[in-house]
Amino acid sequence: MNPSLILGTAMWGWTVSEATAFAVLDAFYQHGFRQIDTATNYPINKIPEDFRKAEKILLQWIKTHGIKDLKVIVKVGSINNLRTPEHNLSKSFLLLNLDDYRFQFDSNFHTYMIHWDNRDSENEIRETLEALDEARKQGLYIGLSGIQHPEIYFKLNQEFQFNFRIQMKHNLLQSDYQRYTLFHGKPRFIAYGINAGGLKLNTSEYRKDSSLKARGGPTDTMYPIVESLQKILKDVNQKANRPKLKSMNHIGMLYAYHSADIEGILVGPSSSLQLHDTIEFYRSLQEFDYEDVFEKLKANLASGI
């Protein structure tokens, strides 16, 4: 099974305006894609009044166009967008949100996912799973994101038998795949952060509204890994029988696409132009063999560069 393409909304209402988000949604939908990811705390821009703004933009687009066939992933748990670990994953809170999202998204509601759980209490986590069981009974898929103690979830899931969808950060600089070792063996993982937070292959590519700059990352210096990636691209792009890799987004998509147990790739284009480029390369991954590039990327990581 090839990984699916999922549209992310983390920067909507922050570096991505409502008008741009609408244009991206229009193009994404017109190309036949339906999976969209959001969370109560998007955008995480430390502006309290923007809490839940991303989902509001998505809901407005849905209502404007009368859409009924999306597959929306909703992540719940964080109680603010201030980048703090504060959350509420109690059974009552999750059931309250379940009713709200069922009403708001209606037939477009697809996956109910908990978000940012640092707890180590089996009793508390069992209550969370009881709420998720109710969501499953309503026909929803169940998911996890940002779980500090996946071993507890694995243990308790012997009782519930959820086929969890699991979001994890997975790129050339950082991957949480090994933290979920107990869940390996099935294509259940959704890779996010594939371009390492907005990393570019050249410092001149950073715009004023780039996601890396918005998050406070340095954009005026070359990251050590970039030089080695440029060398790899120069080598592999000489193959004439397939489209060339041109960006960190391409590299990140390829790396996630060929990684083990990946069922979805989360992308966050900041414009329609970026989305079209993303879709074009995603379709290239489906059509052409890039396994040699994946092996070179893995070897580069193994060398510690």
Protein backbone atom coordinates (compact mmCIF):
# COMPACT_ATOMS: atom_id res chain seq x y z
CA MET A 1 0.00 0.00 0.00
CA ASN A 2 1.42 3.37 -1.01
CA PRO A 3 1.29 6.13 1.63
CA SER A 4 -1.56 8.58 1.16
CA LEU A 5 -1.15 12.35 0.97
CA ILE A 6 -2.67 14.32 3.87
CA LEU A 7 -3.08 18.11 3.99
CA GLY A 8 -1.92 19.77 7.21
CA THR A 9 -3.35 22.95 8.73
CA ALA A 10 -0.84 23.79 11.48
CA MET A 11 0.14 27.15 9.95
CA TRP A 12 -3.33 28.28 8.90
CA GLY A 13 -4.24 31.56 10.51
CA TRP A 14 -0.55 32.22 11.18
CA THR A 15 1.79 32.26 8.15
CA VAL A 16 -1.01 31.00 5.89
CA SER A 17 -3.95 33.37 5.48
CA GLU A 18 -7.56 32.26 5.22
CA ALA A 19 -7.63 33.19 1.51
CA THR A 20 -4.51 31.11 0.83
CA ALA A 21 -5.87 28.19 2.85
CA PHE A 22 -9.07 28.31 0.78
CA ALA A 23 -7.05 28.28 -2.46
CA VAL A 24 -4.96 25.34 -1.24
CA LEU A 25 -8.10 23.47 -0.20
CA ASP A 26 -9.70 24.12 -3.59
CA ALA A 27 -6.69 22.68 -5.43
CA PHE A 28 -6.23 19.75 -3.03
CA TYR A 29 -9.87 18.75 -3.39
CA GLN A 30 -9.92 19.21 -7.17
CA HIS A 31 -6.95 16.85 -7.48
CA GLY A 32 -9.01 14.16 -5.77
CA PHE A 33 -7.41 14.17 -2.32
CA ARG A 34 -9.65 14.06 0.73
CA GLN A 35 -7.59 13.59 3.93
CA ILE A 36 -7.01 16.71 6.05
CA ASP A 37 -5.40 16.99 9.48
CA THR A 38 -6.19 19.60 12.11
CA ALA A 39 -6.05 20.10 15.89
CA THR A 40 -7.75 22.25 18.49
CA ASN A 41 -4.55 24.17 19.20
CA TYR A 42 -3.69 25.09 15.59
CA PRO A 43 -2.05 27.46 14.93
CA ILE A 44 0.40 27.15 17.84
CA ASN A 45 1.45 30.77 17.50
CA LYS A 46 1.11 31.82 21.18
CA ILE A 47 -1.81 34.13 20.37
CA PRO A 48 -4.72 32.98 22.59
CA GLU A 49 -7.42 34.45 20.37
CA ASP A 50 -6.21 32.24 17.50
CA PHE A 51 -6.95 29.05 19.45
CA ARG A 52 -8.92 26.71 17.10
CA LYS A 53 -8.55 29.17 14.23
CA ALA A 54 -7.26 26.57 11.76
CA GLU A 55 -10.27 24.31 12.23
CA LYS A 56 -12.57 27.31 11.88
CA ILE A 57 -11.03 28.11 8.50
CA LEU A 58 -11.53 24.50 7.43
CA LEU A 59 -15.13 24.46 8.64
CA GLN A 60 -15.86 27.70 6.80
CA TRP A 61 -14.53 26.23 3.55
CA ILE A 62 -16.59 23.07 4.07
CA LYS A 63 -19.78 25.06 4.68
CA THR A 64 -19.12 27.43 1.78
CA HIS A 65 -18.80 24.56 -0.70
CA GLY A 66 -21.20 22.08 0.90
CA ILE A 67 -18.50 19.42 1.17
CA LYS A 68 -19.51 16.05 2.62
CA ASP A 69 -16.77 13.60 1.59
CA LEU A 70 -13.61 14.76 3.33
CA LYS A 71 -11.70 12.51 5.75
CA VAL A 72 -10.77 14.93 8.51
CA ILE A 73 -8.37 13.95 11.27
CA VAL A 74 -9.00 15.92 14.47
CA LYS A 75 -6.44 15.93 17.28
CA VAL A 76 -7.75 16.82 20.75
CA GLY A 77 -6.10 17.30 24.12
CA SER A 78 -4.14 20.55 24.17
CA ILE A 79 -6.08 23.29 25.95
CA ASN A 80 -4.16 26.27 24.57
CA ASN A 81 -1.96 27.26 21.63
CA LEU A 82 0.88 28.66 23.76
CA ARG A 83 3.26 25.70 23.13
CA THR A 84 2.82 24.45 26.67
CA PRO A 85 2.31 20.78 27.66
CA GLU A 86 -1.03 21.56 29.31
CA HIS A 87 -3.77 19.22 28.18
CA ASN A 88 -7.07 17.61 29.14
CA LEU A 89 -7.57 14.00 28.08
CA SER A 90 -10.21 13.08 30.62
CA LYS A 91 -13.07 10.88 29.47
CA SER A 92 -15.66 13.62 29.95
CA PHE A 93 -13.61 16.18 28.00
CA LEU A 94 -13.01 13.81 25.11
CA LEU A 95 -16.68 12.84 24.92
CA LEU A 96 -17.66 16.52 24.96
CA ASN A 97 -15.29 17.21 22.07
CA LEU A 98 -16.47 14.11 20.26
CA ASP A 99 -20.04 15.42 20.24
CA ASP A 100 -18.87 18.87 19.15
CA TYR A 101 -16.75 17.63 16.25
CA ARG A 102 -19.38 15.14 15.19
CA PHE A 103 -21.83 18.06 14.93
CA GLN A 104 -19.36 20.46 13.27
CA PHE A 105 -17.77 18.14 10.71
CA ASP A 106 -20.65 15.69 10.27
CA SER A 107 -19.84 13.18 7.50
CA ASN A 108 -16.39 14.72 6.99
CA PHE A 109 -15.23 13.54 10.45
CA HIS A 110 -12.98 10.52 9.93
CA THR A 111 -10.30 10.09 12.65
CA TYR A 112 -10.41 11.09 16.33
CA MET A 113 -6.88 11.41 17.64
CA ILE A 114 -5.52 12.34 21.06
CA HIS A 115 -2.75 14.89 21.23
CA TRP A 116 0.26 15.48 23.47
CA ASP A 117 -0.13 12.94 26.27
CA ASN A 118 2.69 13.00 28.82
CA ARG A 119 0.85 10.94 31.47
CA ASP A 120 2.13 7.69 32.95
CA SER A 121 -1.03 6.75 34.87
CA GLU A 122 -2.64 3.56 33.55
CA ASN A 123 -5.97 4.41 35.19
CA GLU A 124 -6.13 7.83 33.52
CA ILE A 125 -5.09 6.47 30.15
CA ARG A 126 -7.66 3.66 30.40
CA GLU A 127 -10.40 6.31 30.83
CA THR A 128 -9.08 8.04 27.73
CA LEU A 129 -9.32 4.78 25.80
CA GLU A 130 -12.88 4.29 27.05
CA ALA A 131 -13.78 7.62 25.43
CA LEU A 132 -12.03 6.61 22.22
CA ASP A 133 -14.00 3.36 22.26
CA GLU A 134 -17.18 5.41 22.10
CA ALA A 135 -15.78 7.23 19.09
CA ARG A 136 -15.02 3.91 17.43
CA LYS A 137 -18.59 2.76 18.03
CA GLN A 138 -19.68 5.83 16.08
CA GLY A 139 -17.63 4.65 13.11
CA LEU A 140 -14.54 6.79 13.59
CA TYR A 141 -10.93 5.74 13.21
CA ILE A 142 -8.80 6.21 16.33
CA GLY A 143 -5.36 7.80 16.52
CA LEU A 144 -2.45 8.91 18.67
CA SER A 145 -0.06 11.84 18.38
CA GLY A 146 2.72 13.00 20.66
CA ILE A 147 2.53 10.10 23.13
CA GLN A 148 5.21 10.10 25.84
CA HIS A 149 4.54 6.53 27.02
CA PRO A 150 3.40 4.42 24.04
CA GLU A 151 4.21 1.25 26.02
CA ILE A 152 1.27 1.97 28.34
CA TYR A 153 -1.05 2.41 25.38
CA PHE A 154 0.21 -0.83 23.89
CA LYS A 155 -0.40 -2.70 27.15
CA LEU A 156 -3.92 -1.34 27.66
CA ASN A 157 -4.79 -1.84 24.03
CA GLN A 158 -4.71 -5.60 24.57
CA GLU A 159 -8.17 -5.00 26.04
CA PHE A 160 -9.50 -2.49 23.48
CA GLN A 161 -7.84 -3.76 20.27
CA PHE A 162 -7.69 -0.39 18.53
CA ASN A 163 -5.96 -0.32 15.16
CA PHE A 164 -4.35 3.02 16.01
CA ARG A 165 -3.30 5.51 13.37
CA ILE A 166 -0.18 7.14 14.80
CA GLN A 167 1.23 10.53 13.85
CA MET A 168 4.95 10.90 14.40
CA LYS A 169 7.66 13.37 13.48
CA HIS A 170 9.77 11.68 10.82
CA ASN A 171 12.47 13.41 8.80
CA LEU A 172 16.20 13.30 8.12
CA LEU A 173 17.02 15.17 11.32
CA GLN A 174 14.62 13.51 13.74
CA SER A 175 12.32 10.50 13.84
CA ASP A 176 10.05 9.16 16.58
CA TYR A 177 9.61 5.82 14.82
CA GLN A 178 11.77 3.89 17.30
CA ARG A 179 9.80 5.27 20.24
CA TYR A 180 6.79 3.34 18.90
CA THR A 181 8.66 0.04 18.47
CA LEU A 182 5.81 -1.97 19.99
CA PHE A 183 3.50 -0.75 17.22
CA HIS A 184 5.82 -1.61 14.33
CA GLY A 185 4.80 -4.06 11.63
CA LYS A 186 1.68 -2.40 10.21
CA PRO A 187 1.29 0.62 7.87
CA ARG A 188 -0.26 2.74 10.62
CA PHE A 189 2.13 5.71 10.86
CA ILE A 190 1.53 9.21 9.50
CA ALA A 191 4.78 11.11 9.01
CA TYR A 192 4.75 14.83 9.77
CA GLY A 193 7.50 17.45 9.81
CA ILE A 194 8.95 15.83 6.70
CA ASN A 195 10.90 18.94 5.68
CA ALA A 196 12.41 19.34 9.17
CA GLY A 197 10.32 22.33 10.19
CA GLY A 198 10.72 24.21 6.93
CA LEU A 199 14.41 23.59 6.21
CA LYS A 200 15.57 24.83 2.78
CA LEU A 201 18.44 23.73 0.58
CA ASN A 202 19.61 27.32 0.23
CA THR A 203 19.34 30.22 2.69
CA SER A 204 18.10 32.47 -0.15
CA GLU A 205 14.94 30.35 -0.36
CA TYR A 206 13.60 31.50 3.03
CA ARG A 207 10.78 34.02 2.78
CA LYS A 208 9.78 36.43 5.53
CA ASP A 209 6.79 34.22 6.31
CA SER A 210 8.66 30.91 6.18
CA SER A 211 7.56 28.38 8.77
CA LEU A 212 11.11 27.90 10.12
CA LYS A 213 11.47 31.64 10.71
CA ALA A 214 7.99 31.82 12.31
CA ARG A 215 8.97 29.08 14.76
CA GLY A 216 12.14 30.92 15.72
CA GLY A 217 14.66 28.80 13.81
CA PRO A 218 17.78 30.35 12.24
CA THR A 219 17.47 31.02 8.51
CA ASP A 220 20.73 32.85 7.81
CA THR A 221 23.09 29.89 8.18
CA MET A 222 23.44 26.60 6.32
CA TYR A 223 22.52 23.52 8.33
CA PRO A 224 25.29 20.84 8.33
CA ILE A 225 23.06 18.24 6.68
CA VAL A 226 22.19 20.50 3.76
CA GLU A 227 25.61 20.35 2.10
CA SER A 228 25.58 16.54 2.09
CA LEU A 229 22.03 16.52 0.71
CA GLN A 230 23.05 18.86 -2.09
CA LYS A 231 25.76 16.39 -3.08
CA ILE A 232 23.28 13.52 -3.09
CA LEU A 233 20.85 15.49 -5.27
CA LYS A 234 23.60 16.37 -7.74
CA ASP A 235 24.40 12.69 -8.06
CA VAL A 236 20.91 11.17 -8.26
CA ASN A 237 19.39 13.88 -10.45
CA GLN A 238 21.60 12.78 -13.35
CA LYS A 239 19.18 9.91 -13.96
CA ALA A 240 17.18 11.00 -16.99
CA ASN A 241 14.29 8.56 -16.69
CA ARG A 242 12.54 10.20 -13.72
CA PRO A 243 11.67 13.70 -12.42
CA LYS A 244 14.45 15.45 -10.50
CA LEU A 245 14.44 16.20 -6.78
CA LYS A 246 14.49 19.97 -6.31
CA SER A 247 13.74 20.76 -2.67
CA MET A 248 13.76 19.62 0.95
CA ASN A 249 10.07 18.93 0.50
CA HIS A 250 10.85 16.45 -2.27
CA ILE A 251 13.58 14.81 -0.19
CA GLY A 252 11.37 14.61 2.90
CA MET A 253 8.45 13.14 0.95
CA LEU A 254 10.69 10.54 -0.67
CA TYR A 255 12.25 9.57 2.66
CA ALA A 256 8.84 9.16 4.31
CA TYR A 257 7.31 7.42 1.28
CA HIS A 258 9.89 4.62 1.36
CA SER A 259 10.16 4.33 5.16
CA ALA A 260 8.71 1.32 6.98
CA ASP A 261 5.09 1.27 8.20
CA ILE A 262 4.14 4.67 6.75
CA GLU A 263 0.48 4.92 5.71
CA GLY A 264 0.29 8.67 5.27
CA ILE A 265 2.46 11.71 4.59
CA LEU A 266 1.38 15.00 6.13
CA VAL A 267 2.26 18.06 4.05
CA GLY A 268 1.76 21.75 4.82
CA PRO A 269 2.09 23.83 1.63
CA SER A 270 1.90 27.58 2.18
CA SER A 271 0.59 28.35 -1.31
CA SER A 272 -1.24 26.77 -4.23
CA LEU A 273 2.04 26.73 -6.14
CA GLN A 274 3.73 24.70 -3.39
CA LEU A 275 0.76 22.34 -3.27
CA HIS A 276 0.89 21.70 -7.02
CA ASP A 277 4.61 20.97 -6.78
CA THR A 278 3.97 18.62 -3.83
CA ILE A 279 1.23 16.72 -5.68
CA GLU A 280 3.33 16.49 -8.83
CA PHE A 281 6.28 14.96 -6.97
CA TYR A 282 4.01 12.69 -4.90
CA ARG A 283 2.69 11.25 -8.15
CA SER A 284 6.25 10.85 -9.39
CA LEU A 285 6.97 8.73 -6.31
CA GLN A 286 4.04 6.50 -7.26
CA GLU A 287 5.22 6.14 -10.85
CA PHE A 288 9.04 6.06 -10.72
CA ASP A 289 11.61 4.09 -8.74
CA TYR A 290 13.52 6.23 -6.21
CA GLU A 291 14.65 3.39 -3.97
CA ASP A 292 18.31 4.14 -4.75
CA VAL A 293 17.87 7.69 -3.44
CA PHE A 294 16.27 6.38 -0.27
CA GLU A 295 19.24 4.09 0.30
CA LYS A 296 21.66 6.99 -0.19
CA LEU A 297 19.71 9.09 2.31
CA LYS A 298 19.80 6.26 4.86
CA ALA A 299 23.52 5.81 4.31
CA ASN A 300 24.02 9.54 4.81
CA LEU A 301 22.19 9.35 8.13
CA ALA A 302 24.18 6.31 9.20
CA SER A 303 27.41 8.21 8.54
CA GLY A 304 26.35 10.82 11.08
CA ILE A 305 26.46 13.73 8.66
